[in-house]
Amino acid sequence: PTATIGLAGSGIPHEVDLNWNPPSGNSVTIAGYNVYRAPSGTTSYQL
């Protein structure tokens, strides 16, 4: 008459997955990429 059902779950954070194409027609050898983020509408970009 008193039935119990176990509940389980895991909270996981939000994530943003970015991907891009390397620039083409470049004479410079690319060693890597720096990704910068700012709160939307601001110019306070942080590496």
ModelCIF file with pLDDT and N, C-alpha, C, O atoms, coordinates in Angstrom:
data_MODEL
#
_entry.id   MODEL 
#
_entity.id                         1 
_entity.type                       polymer 
_entity.pdbx_number_of_molecules   1 
#
_entity_poly.entity_id                      1 
_entity_poly.type                           'polypeptide(L)' 
_entity_poly.nstd_linkage                   no 
_entity_poly.nstd_monomer                   no 
_entity_poly.pdbx_seq_one_letter_code       PTATIGLAGSGIPHEVDLNWNPPSGNSVTIAGYNVYRAPSGTTSYQL 
_entity_poly.pdbx_seq_one_letter_code_can   PTATIGLAGSGIPHEVDLNWNPPSGNSVTIAGYNVYRAPSGTTSYQL 
_entity_poly.pdbx_strand_id                 A 
#
loop_
_entity_poly_seq.entity_id 
_entity_poly_seq.num 
_entity_poly_seq.mon_id 
_entity_poly_seq.hetero 
1 1  PRO n 
1 2  THR n 
1 3  ALA n 
1 4  THR n 
1 5  ILE n 
1 6  GLY n 
1 7  LEU n 
1 8  ALA n 
1 9  GLY n 
1 10 SER n 
1 11 GLY n 
1 12 ILE n 
1 13 PRO n 
1 14 HIS n 
1 15 GLU n 
1 16 VAL n 
1 17 ASP n 
1 18 LEU n 
1 19 ASN n 
1 20 TRP n 
1 21 ASN n 
1 22 PRO n 
1 23 PRO n 
1 24 SER n 
1 25 GLY n 
1 26 ASN n 
1 27 SER n 
1 28 VAL n 
1 29 THR n 
1 30 ILE n 
1 31 ALA n 
1 32 GLY n 
1 33 TYR n 
1 34 ASN n 
1 35 VAL n 
1 36 TYR n 
1 37 ARG n 
1 38 ALA n 
1 39 PRO n 
1 40 SER n 
1 41 GLY n 
1 42 THR n 
1 43 THR n 
1 44 SER n 
1 45 TYR n 
1 46 GLN n 
1 47 LEU n 
#
_struct_asym.id          A 
_struct_asym.entity_id   1 
#
loop_
_ma_qa_metric.id 
_ma_qa_metric.mode 
_ma_qa_metric.name 
_ma_qa_metric.software_group_id 
_ma_qa_metric.type 
1 global pLDDT . pLDDT 
2 local  pLDDT . pLDDT 
#
_ma_qa_metric_global.metric_id      1 
_ma_qa_metric_global.metric_value   91.45 
_ma_qa_metric_global.model_id       1 
_ma_qa_metric_global.ordinal_id     1 
#
loop_
_ma_qa_metric_local.label_asym_id 
_ma_qa_metric_local.label_comp_id 
_ma_qa_metric_local.label_seq_id 
_ma_qa_metric_local.metric_id 
_ma_qa_metric_local.metric_value 
_ma_qa_metric_local.model_id 
_ma_qa_metric_local.ordinal_id 
A PRO 1  2 97.00 1 1  
A THR 2  2 97.00 1 2  
A ALA 3  2 97.00 1 3  
A THR 4  2 97.00 1 4  
A ILE 5  2 98.00 1 5  
A GLY 6  2 98.00 1 6  
A LEU 7  2 98.00 1 7  
A ALA 8  2 97.00 1 8  
A GLY 9  2 97.00 1 9  
A SER 10 2 96.00 1 10 
A GLY 11 2 93.00 1 11 
A ILE 12 2 91.00 1 12 
A PRO 13 2 88.00 1 13 
A HIS 14 2 88.00 1 14 
A GLU 15 2 90.00 1 15 
A VAL 16 2 93.00 1 16 
A ASP 17 2 93.00 1 17 
A LEU 18 2 94.00 1 18 
A ASN 19 2 94.00 1 19 
A TRP 20 2 93.00 1 20 
A ASN 21 2 90.00 1 21 
A PRO 22 2 87.00 1 22 
A PRO 23 2 84.00 1 23 
A SER 24 2 80.00 1 24 
A GLY 25 2 75.00 1 25 
A ASN 26 2 68.00 1 26 
A SER 27 2 75.00 1 27 
A VAL 28 2 77.00 1 28 
A THR 29 2 86.00 1 29 
A ILE 30 2 89.00 1 30 
A ALA 31 2 91.00 1 31 
A GLY 32 2 93.00 1 32 
A TYR 33 2 94.00 1 33 
A ASN 34 2 94.00 1 34 
A VAL 35 2 95.00 1 35 
A TYR 36 2 96.00 1 36 
A ARG 37 2 96.00 1 37 
A ALA 38 2 96.00 1 38 
A PRO 39 2 95.00 1 39 
A SER 40 2 94.00 1 40 
A GLY 41 2 90.00 1 41 
A THR 42 2 93.00 1 42 
A THR 43 2 91.00 1 43 
A SER 44 2 94.00 1 44 
A TYR 45 2 96.00 1 45 
A GLN 46 2 95.00 1 46 
A LEU 47 2 95.00 1 47 
#
loop_
_atom_site.group_PDB 
_atom_site.id 
_atom_site.type_symbol 
_atom_site.label_atom_id 
_atom_site.label_alt_id 
_atom_site.label_comp_id 
_atom_site.label_asym_id 
_atom_site.label_entity_id 
_atom_site.label_seq_id 
_atom_site.pdbx_PDB_ins_code 
_atom_site.Cartn_x 
_atom_site.Cartn_y 
_atom_site.Cartn_z 
_atom_site.occupancy 
_atom_site.B_iso_or_equiv 
_atom_site.pdbx_formal_charge 
_atom_site.auth_seq_id 
_atom_site.auth_comp_id 
_atom_site.auth_asym_id 
_atom_site.auth_atom_id 
_atom_site.pdbx_PDB_model_num 
ATOM 1   N N  . PRO A 1 1  ? 0.801  -1.236 0.000   1.00 97.00 ? 1  PRO A N  1 
ATOM 2   C CA . PRO A 1 1  ? 0.000  0.000  0.000   1.00 97.00 ? 1  PRO A CA 1 
ATOM 3   C C  . PRO A 1 1  ? 0.835  1.288  0.000   1.00 97.00 ? 1  PRO A C  1 
ATOM 4   O O  . PRO A 1 1  ? 0.340  2.347  -0.385  1.00 97.00 ? 1  PRO A O  1 
ATOM 5   N N  . THR A 1 2  ? 2.100  1.199  0.431   1.00 97.00 ? 2  THR A N  1 
ATOM 6   C CA . THR A 1 2  ? 3.014  2.339  0.304   1.00 97.00 ? 2  THR A CA 1 
ATOM 7   C C  . THR A 1 2  ? 4.177  1.872  -0.563  1.00 97.00 ? 2  THR A C  1 
ATOM 8   O O  . THR A 1 2  ? 5.139  1.272  -0.081  1.00 97.00 ? 2  THR A O  1 
ATOM 9   N N  . ALA A 1 3  ? 4.060  2.163  -1.847  1.00 97.00 ? 3  ALA A N  1 
ATOM 10  C CA . ALA A 1 3  ? 5.083  1.720  -2.804  1.00 97.00 ? 3  ALA A CA 1 
ATOM 11  C C  . ALA A 1 3  ? 6.129  2.815  -2.964  1.00 97.00 ? 3  ALA A C  1 
ATOM 12  O O  . ALA A 1 3  ? 5.792  3.995  -3.064  1.00 97.00 ? 3  ALA A O  1 
ATOM 13  N N  . THR A 1 4  ? 7.411  2.417  -2.988  1.00 97.00 ? 4  THR A N  1 
ATOM 14  C CA . THR A 1 4  ? 8.480  3.391  -3.209  1.00 97.00 ? 4  THR A CA 1 
ATOM 15  C C  . THR A 1 4  ? 9.266  3.004  -4.455  1.00 97.00 ? 4  THR A C  1 
ATOM 16  O O  . THR A 1 4  ? 9.587  1.837  -4.681  1.00 97.00 ? 4  THR A O  1 
ATOM 17  N N  . ILE A 1 5  ? 9.562  4.012  -5.245  1.00 98.00 ? 5  ILE A N  1 
ATOM 18  C CA . ILE A 1 5  ? 10.296 3.842  -6.496  1.00 98.00 ? 5  ILE A CA 1 
ATOM 19  C C  . ILE A 1 5  ? 11.544 4.713  -6.399  1.00 98.00 ? 5  ILE A C  1 
ATOM 20  O O  . ILE A 1 5  ? 11.450 5.917  -6.164  1.00 98.00 ? 5  ILE A O  1 
ATOM 21  N N  . GLY A 1 6  ? 12.705 4.106  -6.578  1.00 98.00 ? 6  GLY A N  1 
ATOM 22  C CA . GLY A 1 6  ? 13.960 4.860  -6.526  1.00 98.00 ? 6  GLY A CA 1 
ATOM 23  C C  . GLY A 1 6  ? 14.098 5.769  -7.729  1.00 98.00 ? 6  GLY A C  1 
ATOM 24  O O  . GLY A 1 6  ? 13.766 5.384  -8.851  1.00 98.00 ? 6  GLY A O  1 
ATOM 25  N N  . LEU A 1 7  ? 14.588 6.973  -7.496  1.00 98.00 ? 7  LEU A N  1 
ATOM 26  C CA . LEU A 1 7  ? 14.836 7.945  -8.564  1.00 98.00 ? 7  LEU A CA 1 
ATOM 27  C C  . LEU A 1 7  ? 16.322 8.288  -8.560  1.00 98.00 ? 7  LEU A C  1 
ATOM 28  O O  . LEU A 1 7  ? 16.926 8.438  -7.498  1.00 98.00 ? 7  LEU A O  1 
ATOM 29  N N  . ALA A 1 8  ? 16.904 8.413  -9.740  1.00 97.00 ? 8  ALA A N  1 
ATOM 30  C CA . ALA A 1 8  ? 18.323 8.748  -9.831  1.00 97.00 ? 8  ALA A CA 1 
ATOM 31  C C  . ALA A 1 8  ? 18.594 9.562  -11.089 1.00 97.00 ? 8  ALA A C  1 
ATOM 32  O O  . ALA A 1 8  ? 17.946 9.379  -12.120 1.00 97.00 ? 8  ALA A O  1 
ATOM 33  N N  . GLY A 1 9  ? 19.556 10.457 -10.983 1.00 97.00 ? 9  GLY A N  1 
ATOM 34  C CA . GLY A 1 9  ? 19.970 11.245 -12.134 1.00 97.00 ? 9  GLY A CA 1 
ATOM 35  C C  . GLY A 1 9  ? 21.239 12.003 -11.795 1.00 97.00 ? 9  GLY A C  1 
ATOM 36  O O  . GLY A 1 9  ? 21.639 12.084 -10.634 1.00 97.00 ? 9  GLY A O  1 
ATOM 37  N N  . SER A 1 10 ? 21.864 12.554 -12.818 1.00 96.00 ? 10 SER A N  1 
ATOM 38  C CA . SER A 1 10 ? 23.065 13.375 -12.619 1.00 96.00 ? 10 SER A CA 1 
ATOM 39  C C  . SER A 1 10 ? 22.873 14.693 -13.334 1.00 96.00 ? 10 SER A C  1 
ATOM 40  O O  . SER A 1 10 ? 22.472 14.739 -14.497 1.00 96.00 ? 10 SER A O  1 
ATOM 41  N N  . GLY A 1 11 ? 23.168 15.766 -12.616 1.00 93.00 ? 11 GLY A N  1 
ATOM 42  C CA . GLY A 1 11 ? 23.167 17.078 -13.241 1.00 93.00 ? 11 GLY A CA 1 
ATOM 43  C C  . GLY A 1 11 ? 24.525 17.308 -13.879 1.00 93.00 ? 11 GLY A C  1 
ATOM 44  O O  . GLY A 1 11 ? 25.563 17.112 -13.247 1.00 93.00 ? 11 GLY A O  1 
ATOM 45  N N  . ILE A 1 12 ? 24.509 17.727 -15.139 1.00 91.00 ? 12 ILE A N  1 
ATOM 46  C CA . ILE A 1 12 ? 25.763 18.023 -15.836 1.00 91.00 ? 12 ILE A CA 1 
ATOM 47  C C  . ILE A 1 12 ? 25.723 19.474 -16.315 1.00 91.00 ? 12 ILE A C  1 
ATOM 48  O O  . ILE A 1 12 ? 24.651 20.007 -16.602 1.00 91.00 ? 12 ILE A O  1 
ATOM 49  N N  . PRO A 1 13 ? 26.888 20.108 -16.401 1.00 88.00 ? 13 PRO A N  1 
ATOM 50  C CA . PRO A 1 13 ? 26.901 21.525 -16.774 1.00 88.00 ? 13 PRO A CA 1 
ATOM 51  C C  . PRO A 1 13 ? 26.562 21.729 -18.250 1.00 88.00 ? 13 PRO A C  1 
ATOM 52  O O  . PRO A 1 13 ? 26.694 20.830 -19.080 1.00 88.00 ? 13 PRO A O  1 
ATOM 53  N N  . HIS A 1 14 ? 26.117 22.954 -18.534 1.00 88.00 ? 14 HIS A N  1 
ATOM 54  C CA . HIS A 1 14 ? 25.955 23.358 -19.936 1.00 88.00 ? 14 HIS A CA 1 
ATOM 55  C C  . HIS A 1 14 ? 27.341 23.389 -20.557 1.00 88.00 ? 14 HIS A C  1 
ATOM 56  O O  . HIS A 1 14 ? 28.336 23.578 -19.858 1.00 88.00 ? 14 HIS A O  1 
ATOM 57  N N  . GLU A 1 15 ? 27.403 23.205 -21.855 1.00 90.00 ? 15 GLU A N  1 
ATOM 58  C CA . GLU A 1 15 ? 28.669 23.387 -22.547 1.00 90.00 ? 15 GLU A CA 1 
ATOM 59  C C  . GLU A 1 15 ? 28.399 23.945 -23.925 1.00 90.00 ? 15 GLU A C  1 
ATOM 60  O O  . GLU A 1 15 ? 27.334 23.740 -24.507 1.00 90.00 ? 15 GLU A O  1 
ATOM 61  N N  . VAL A 1 16 ? 29.379 24.647 -24.425 1.00 93.00 ? 16 VAL A N  1 
ATOM 62  C CA . VAL A 1 16 ? 29.320 25.196 -25.775 1.00 93.00 ? 16 VAL A CA 1 
ATOM 63  C C  . VAL A 1 16 ? 30.412 24.501 -26.575 1.00 93.00 ? 16 VAL A C  1 
ATOM 64  O O  . VAL A 1 16 ? 31.587 24.542 -26.212 1.00 93.00 ? 16 VAL A O  1 
ATOM 65  N N  . ASP A 1 17 ? 30.010 23.868 -27.660 1.00 93.00 ? 17 ASP A N  1 
ATOM 66  C CA . ASP A 1 17 ? 30.963 23.175 -28.540 1.00 93.00 ? 17 ASP A CA 1 
ATOM 67  C C  . ASP A 1 17 ? 31.203 24.044 -29.774 1.00 93.00 ? 17 ASP A C  1 
ATOM 68  O O  . ASP A 1 17 ? 30.287 24.290 -30.559 1.00 93.00 ? 17 ASP A O  1 
ATOM 69  N N  . LEU A 1 18 ? 32.436 24.502 -29.933 1.00 94.00 ? 18 LEU A N  1 
ATOM 70  C CA . LEU A 1 18 ? 32.802 25.336 -31.078 1.00 94.00 ? 18 LEU A CA 1 
ATOM 71  C C  . LEU A 1 18 ? 33.684 24.529 -32.029 1.00 94.00 ? 18 LEU A C  1 
ATOM 72  O O  . LEU A 1 18 ? 34.499 23.715 -31.594 1.00 94.00 ? 18 LEU A O  1 
ATOM 73  N N  . ASN A 1 19 ? 33.515 24.760 -33.316 1.00 94.00 ? 19 ASN A N  1 
ATOM 74  C CA . ASN A 1 19 ? 34.449 24.204 -34.296 1.00 94.00 ? 19 ASN A CA 1 
ATOM 75  C C  . ASN A 1 19 ? 34.521 25.178 -35.461 1.00 94.00 ? 19 ASN A C  1 
ATOM 76  O O  . ASN A 1 19 ? 33.564 25.897 -35.744 1.00 94.00 ? 19 ASN A O  1 
ATOM 77  N N  . TRP A 1 20 ? 35.662 25.193 -36.129 1.00 93.00 ? 20 TRP A N  1 
ATOM 78  C CA . TRP A 1 20 ? 35.871 26.141 -37.209 1.00 93.00 ? 20 TRP A CA 1 
ATOM 79  C C  . TRP A 1 20 ? 36.785 25.534 -38.250 1.00 93.00 ? 20 TRP A C  1 
ATOM 80  O O  . TRP A 1 20 ? 37.466 24.538 -38.007 1.00 93.00 ? 20 TRP A O  1 
ATOM 81  N N  . ASN A 1 21 ? 36.784 26.155 -39.413 1.00 90.00 ? 21 ASN A N  1 
ATOM 82  C CA . ASN A 1 21 ? 37.664 25.733 -40.510 1.00 90.00 ? 21 ASN A CA 1 
ATOM 83  C C  . ASN A 1 21 ? 38.903 26.615 -40.499 1.00 90.00 ? 21 ASN A C  1 
ATOM 84  O O  . ASN A 1 21 ? 38.801 27.823 -40.286 1.00 90.00 ? 21 ASN A O  1 
ATOM 85  N N  . PRO A 1 22 ? 40.080 26.020 -40.728 1.00 87.00 ? 22 PRO A N  1 
ATOM 86  C CA . PRO A 1 22 ? 41.290 26.850 -40.806 1.00 87.00 ? 22 PRO A CA 1 
ATOM 87  C C  . PRO A 1 22 ? 41.175 27.813 -41.990 1.00 87.00 ? 22 PRO A C  1 
ATOM 88  O O  . PRO A 1 22 ? 40.566 27.477 -43.006 1.00 87.00 ? 22 PRO A O  1 
ATOM 89  N N  . PRO A 1 23 ? 41.751 28.995 -41.862 1.00 84.00 ? 23 PRO A N  1 
ATOM 90  C CA . PRO A 1 23 ? 41.690 29.937 -42.987 1.00 84.00 ? 23 PRO A CA 1 
ATOM 91  C C  . PRO A 1 23 ? 42.432 29.357 -44.199 1.00 84.00 ? 23 PRO A C  1 
ATOM 92  O O  . PRO A 1 23 ? 43.426 28.643 -44.060 1.00 84.00 ? 23 PRO A O  1 
ATOM 93  N N  . SER A 1 24 ? 41.927 29.679 -45.370 1.00 80.00 ? 24 SER A N  1 
ATOM 94  C CA . SER A 1 24 ? 42.576 29.154 -46.585 1.00 80.00 ? 24 SER A CA 1 
ATOM 95  C C  . SER A 1 24 ? 43.319 30.275 -47.295 1.00 80.00 ? 24 SER A C  1 
ATOM 96  O O  . SER A 1 24 ? 43.052 31.453 -47.062 1.00 80.00 ? 24 SER A O  1 
ATOM 97  N N  . GLY A 1 25 ? 44.245 29.905 -48.153 1.00 75.00 ? 25 GLY A N  1 
ATOM 98  C CA . GLY A 1 25 ? 44.992 30.878 -48.942 1.00 75.00 ? 25 GLY A CA 1 
ATOM 99  C C  . GLY A 1 25 ? 45.910 31.744 -48.090 1.00 75.00 ? 25 GLY A C  1 
ATOM 100 O O  . GLY A 1 25 ? 46.166 32.905 -48.409 1.00 75.00 ? 25 GLY A O  1 
ATOM 101 N N  . ASN A 1 26 ? 46.399 31.159 -47.003 1.00 68.00 ? 26 ASN A N  1 
ATOM 102 C CA . ASN A 1 26 ? 47.244 31.916 -46.087 1.00 68.00 ? 26 ASN A CA 1 
ATOM 103 C C  . ASN A 1 26 ? 48.708 31.582 -46.347 1.00 68.00 ? 26 ASN A C  1 
ATOM 104 O O  . ASN A 1 26 ? 49.061 30.414 -46.507 1.00 68.00 ? 26 ASN A O  1 
ATOM 105 N N  . SER A 1 27 ? 49.551 32.594 -46.388 1.00 75.00 ? 27 SER A N  1 
ATOM 106 C CA . SER A 1 27 ? 50.974 32.352 -46.619 1.00 75.00 ? 27 SER A CA 1 
ATOM 107 C C  . SER A 1 27 ? 51.708 32.097 -45.300 1.00 75.00 ? 27 SER A C  1 
ATOM 108 O O  . SER A 1 27 ? 52.870 31.688 -45.296 1.00 75.00 ? 27 SER A O  1 
ATOM 109 N N  . VAL A 1 28 ? 51.028 32.340 -44.194 1.00 77.00 ? 28 VAL A N  1 
ATOM 110 C CA . VAL A 1 28 ? 51.629 32.171 -42.872 1.00 77.00 ? 28 VAL A CA 1 
ATOM 111 C C  . VAL A 1 28 ? 51.339 30.766 -42.357 1.00 77.00 ? 28 VAL A C  1 
ATOM 112 O O  . VAL A 1 28 ? 50.234 30.253 -42.536 1.00 77.00 ? 28 VAL A O  1 
ATOM 113 N N  . THR A 1 29 ? 52.325 30.146 -41.718 1.00 86.00 ? 29 THR A N  1 
ATOM 114 C CA . THR A 1 29 ? 52.112 28.829 -41.112 1.00 86.00 ? 29 THR A CA 1 
ATOM 115 C C  . THR A 1 29 ? 51.396 29.007 -39.780 1.00 86.00 ? 29 THR A C  1 
ATOM 116 O O  . THR A 1 29 ? 51.880 29.702 -38.886 1.00 86.00 ? 29 THR A O  1 
ATOM 117 N N  . ILE A 1 30 ? 50.231 28.366 -39.663 1.00 89.00 ? 30 ILE A N  1 
ATOM 118 C CA . ILE A 1 30 ? 49.433 28.498 -38.442 1.00 89.00 ? 30 ILE A CA 1 
ATOM 119 C C  . ILE A 1 30 ? 49.927 27.490 -37.406 1.00 89.00 ? 30 ILE A C  1 
ATOM 120 O O  . ILE A 1 30 ? 49.991 26.287 -37.660 1.00 89.00 ? 30 ILE A O  1 
ATOM 121 N N  . ALA A 1 31 ? 50.276 28.018 -36.231 1.00 91.00 ? 31 ALA A N  1 
ATOM 122 C CA . ALA A 1 31 ? 50.758 27.152 -35.145 1.00 91.00 ? 31 ALA A CA 1 
ATOM 123 C C  . ALA A 1 31 ? 49.611 26.735 -34.232 1.00 91.00 ? 31 ALA A C  1 
ATOM 124 O O  . ALA A 1 31 ? 49.687 25.705 -33.562 1.00 91.00 ? 31 ALA A O  1 
ATOM 125 N N  . GLY A 1 32 ? 48.557 27.531 -34.209 1.00 93.00 ? 32 GLY A N  1 
ATOM 126 C CA . GLY A 1 32 ? 47.426 27.204 -33.338 1.00 93.00 ? 32 GLY A CA 1 
ATOM 127 C C  . GLY A 1 32 ? 46.359 28.271 -33.384 1.00 93.00 ? 32 GLY A C  1 
ATOM 128 O O  . GLY A 1 32 ? 46.385 29.169 -34.225 1.00 93.00 ? 32 GLY A O  1 
ATOM 129 N N  . TYR A 1 33 ? 45.406 28.155 -32.449 1.00 94.00 ? 33 TYR A N  1 
ATOM 130 C CA . TYR A 1 33 ? 44.270 29.072 -32.397 1.00 94.00 ? 33 TYR A CA 1 
ATOM 131 C C  . TYR A 1 33 ? 44.040 29.496 -30.958 1.00 94.00 ? 33 TYR A C  1 
ATOM 132 O O  . TYR A 1 33 ? 44.129 28.680 -30.040 1.00 94.00 ? 33 TYR A O  1 
ATOM 133 N N  . ASN A 1 34 ? 43.743 30.776 -30.763 1.00 94.00 ? 34 ASN A N  1 
ATOM 134 C CA . ASN A 1 34 ? 43.333 31.272 -29.456 1.00 94.00 ? 34 ASN A CA 1 
ATOM 135 C C  . ASN A 1 34 ? 41.828 31.523 -29.513 1.00 94.00 ? 34 ASN A C  1 
ATOM 136 O O  . ASN A 1 34 ? 41.329 32.142 -30.454 1.00 94.00 ? 34 ASN A O  1 
ATOM 137 N N  . VAL A 1 35 ? 41.109 31.037 -28.496 1.00 95.00 ? 35 VAL A N  1 
ATOM 138 C CA . VAL A 1 35 ? 39.663 31.240 -28.418 1.00 95.00 ? 35 VAL A CA 1 
ATOM 139 C C  . VAL A 1 35 ? 39.397 32.258 -27.308 1.00 95.00 ? 35 VAL A C  1 
ATOM 140 O O  . VAL A 1 35 ? 39.888 32.123 -26.187 1.00 95.00 ? 35 VAL A O  1 
ATOM 141 N N  . TYR A 1 36 ? 38.604 33.282 -27.652 1.00 96.00 ? 36 TYR A N  1 
ATOM 142 C CA . TYR A 1 36 ? 38.253 34.337 -26.705 1.00 96.00 ? 36 TYR A CA 1 
ATOM 143 C C  . TYR A 1 36 ? 36.746 34.357 -26.486 1.00 96.00 ? 36 TYR A C  1 
ATOM 144 O O  . TYR A 1 36 ? 35.966 34.059 -27.391 1.00 96.00 ? 36 TYR A O  1 
ATOM 145 N N  . ARG A 1 37 ? 36.348 34.719 -25.248 1.00 96.00 ? 37 ARG A N  1 
ATOM 146 C CA . ARG A 1 37 ? 34.918 34.790 -24.908 1.00 96.00 ? 37 ARG A CA 1 
ATOM 147 C C  . ARG A 1 37 ? 34.657 36.098 -24.167 1.00 96.00 ? 37 ARG A C  1 
ATOM 148 O O  . ARG A 1 37 ? 35.474 36.555 -23.368 1.00 96.00 ? 37 ARG A O  1 
ATOM 149 N N  . ALA A 1 38 ? 33.477 36.698 -24.459 1.00 96.00 ? 38 ALA A N  1 
ATOM 150 C CA . ALA A 1 38 ? 33.033 37.901 -23.747 1.00 96.00 ? 38 ALA A CA 1 
ATOM 151 C C  . ALA A 1 38 ? 31.544 37.759 -23.455 1.00 96.00 ? 38 ALA A C  1 
ATOM 152 O O  . ALA A 1 38 ? 30.832 37.079 -24.194 1.00 96.00 ? 38 ALA A O  1 
ATOM 153 N N  . PRO A 1 39 ? 31.064 38.394 -22.382 1.00 95.00 ? 39 PRO A N  1 
ATOM 154 C CA . PRO A 1 39 ? 29.606 38.455 -22.195 1.00 95.00 ? 39 PRO A CA 1 
ATOM 155 C C  . PRO A 1 39 ? 29.006 39.144 -23.420 1.00 95.00 ? 39 PRO A C  1 
ATOM 156 O O  . PRO A 1 39 ? 29.548 40.145 -23.889 1.00 95.00 ? 39 PRO A O  1 
ATOM 157 N N  . SER A 1 40 ? 27.900 38.626 -23.940 1.00 94.00 ? 40 SER A N  1 
ATOM 158 C CA . SER A 1 40 ? 27.310 39.184 -25.166 1.00 94.00 ? 40 SER A CA 1 
ATOM 159 C C  . SER A 1 40 ? 27.099 40.681 -25.054 1.00 94.00 ? 40 SER A C  1 
ATOM 160 O O  . SER A 1 40 ? 26.669 41.193 -24.021 1.00 94.00 ? 40 SER A O  1 
ATOM 161 N N  . GLY A 1 41 ? 27.415 41.379 -26.153 1.00 90.00 ? 41 GLY A N  1 
ATOM 162 C CA . GLY A 1 41 ? 27.200 42.809 -26.220 1.00 90.00 ? 41 GLY A CA 1 
ATOM 163 C C  . GLY A 1 41 ? 28.324 43.631 -25.602 1.00 90.00 ? 41 GLY A C  1 
ATOM 164 O O  . GLY A 1 41 ? 28.246 44.859 -25.590 1.00 90.00 ? 41 GLY A O  1 
ATOM 165 N N  . THR A 1 42 ? 29.374 42.976 -25.085 1.00 93.00 ? 42 THR A N  1 
ATOM 166 C CA . THR A 1 42 ? 30.499 43.721 -24.514 1.00 93.00 ? 42 THR A CA 1 
ATOM 167 C C  . THR A 1 42 ? 31.733 43.475 -25.385 1.00 93.00 ? 42 THR A C  1 
ATOM 168 O O  . THR A 1 42 ? 31.707 42.655 -26.302 1.00 93.00 ? 42 THR A O  1 
ATOM 169 N N  . THR A 1 43 ? 32.792 44.188 -25.085 1.00 91.00 ? 43 THR A N  1 
ATOM 170 C CA . THR A 1 43 ? 34.052 43.970 -25.812 1.00 91.00 ? 43 THR A CA 1 
ATOM 171 C C  . THR A 1 43 ? 35.123 43.462 -24.861 1.00 91.00 ? 43 THR A C  1 
ATOM 172 O O  . THR A 1 43 ? 36.310 43.514 -25.180 1.00 91.00 ? 43 THR A O  1 
ATOM 173 N N  . SER A 1 44 ? 34.711 42.965 -23.677 1.00 94.00 ? 44 SER A N  1 
ATOM 174 C CA . SER A 1 44 ? 35.694 42.504 -22.681 1.00 94.00 ? 44 SER A CA 1 
ATOM 175 C C  . SER A 1 44 ? 36.023 41.029 -22.896 1.00 94.00 ? 44 SER A C  1 
ATOM 176 O O  . SER A 1 44 ? 35.688 40.171 -22.079 1.00 94.00 ? 44 SER A O  1 
ATOM 177 N N  . TYR A 1 45 ? 36.693 40.756 -24.028 1.00 96.00 ? 45 TYR A N  1 
ATOM 178 C CA . TYR A 1 45 ? 37.059 39.384 -24.369 1.00 96.00 ? 45 TYR A CA 1 
ATOM 179 C C  . TYR A 1 45 ? 38.172 38.868 -23.473 1.00 96.00 ? 45 TYR A C  1 
ATOM 180 O O  . TYR A 1 45 ? 39.148 39.571 -23.212 1.00 96.00 ? 45 TYR A O  1 
ATOM 181 N N  . GLN A 1 46 ? 38.022 37.643 -23.008 1.00 95.00 ? 46 GLN A N  1 
ATOM 182 C CA . GLN A 1 46 ? 39.039 36.975 -22.203 1.00 95.00 ? 46 GLN A CA 1 
ATOM 183 C C  . GLN A 1 46 ? 39.478 35.717 -22.947 1.00 95.00 ? 46 GLN A C  1 
ATOM 184 O O  . GLN A 1 46 ? 38.658 35.041 -23.568 1.00 95.00 ? 46 GLN A O  1 
ATOM 185 N N  . LEU A 1 47 ? 40.761 35.409 -22.884 1.00 95.00 ? 47 LEU A N  1 
ATOM 186 C CA . LEU A 1 47 ? 41.283 34.191 -23.494 1.00 95.00 ? 47 LEU A CA 1 
ATOM 187 C C  . LEU A 1 47 ? 40.771 32.991 -22.689 1.00 95.00 ? 47 LEU A C  1 
ATOM 188 O O  . LEU A 1 47 ? 41.085 31.847 -23.020 1.00 95.00 ? 47 LEU A O  1 
#
